[in-house]
Amino acid sequence: MKVATYLDEHNNKFWMDALFRGNYSEVVYEMFGDVLREVIQPGDLDTVKNDWVGINYYFNNRIGHEVAKNHPTRGRIFDKLLGLSFEAAPTTHLTDMGWPITPQGLGDLCLRWTAEFGDVLPPIYITENGVAYDTDISADGKIHDNGRIEYLNDHLRSIRDAISAGADIRGYFQWSLFDNFEWGFGYEKRFGIVHVDYQTQVRTPKDSAAWYTRVIETDGASLVDPVIEKDLLAE
């Protein structure tokens, strides 16, 4: 539990407490106290104000004693600084990034913040959420990226469930509209709902683009329950 607490304080509450409560927790001072005392000036935290908070979410992590060699977060600098390590959440479904698919975690995170910060938490926007799949153009000239549709459907359902349970979530930004240059992988990974031919620059909307359009037009009414047969998503 102590390891999990340290990681949560470092990745989340280090920022959240300062932004919404105007202070840092005892755990953060335990980790970075000397540095914080040097740089924080009187009144600094009194001036902080935010109209909303953004969440970039792709997958859950579990804390473990040893990081799997192929885990995407292995070797990050804060692992070494804090003595923390990660294990991927248990799942048989992985994206082309090698990331586990854990949609429930997005809604859970929004609800946890809502419970922990209460009235001081501003409205939430999901500022990044999406999936990398390199789906080829089919013989019919279309791109049938059903895996992306399923991913987005399940994450949007998780958000809707969180809203129903009391989270003040105002918006969702899908990553991304077009296939693009990913900072860590260049043109190798494709997150877009619109395919880009990098040689010709031709844009081809994928099946997920039509599906996402329908979700917007119906204000989410076209989302299906994750336990329902997934071929309903592509109808």
Foldseek 3Di string as FASTA:
>chain_A
DVLVVLVCLVPPVVPVCLQQVVDHDPSVCVLQVVVCVVPDDPPPSVPHYDQADEAADEADKDWDQDEDPPDPCPPPPVCVSVVTYIYADDDPDAAPSRHDQDLLVVLVVLLVCCVPRPPSHHEYEHAEYFTWDDFDQDPVRAGAPLVRLLSVLSNVVSNVVSVVVPGRHDYYQYPDQEQAQDPVHGSPTGGHQWYADVVVRDIHGHLSVVLVVVCVVVVNPQRDDSVPDSVSSSD
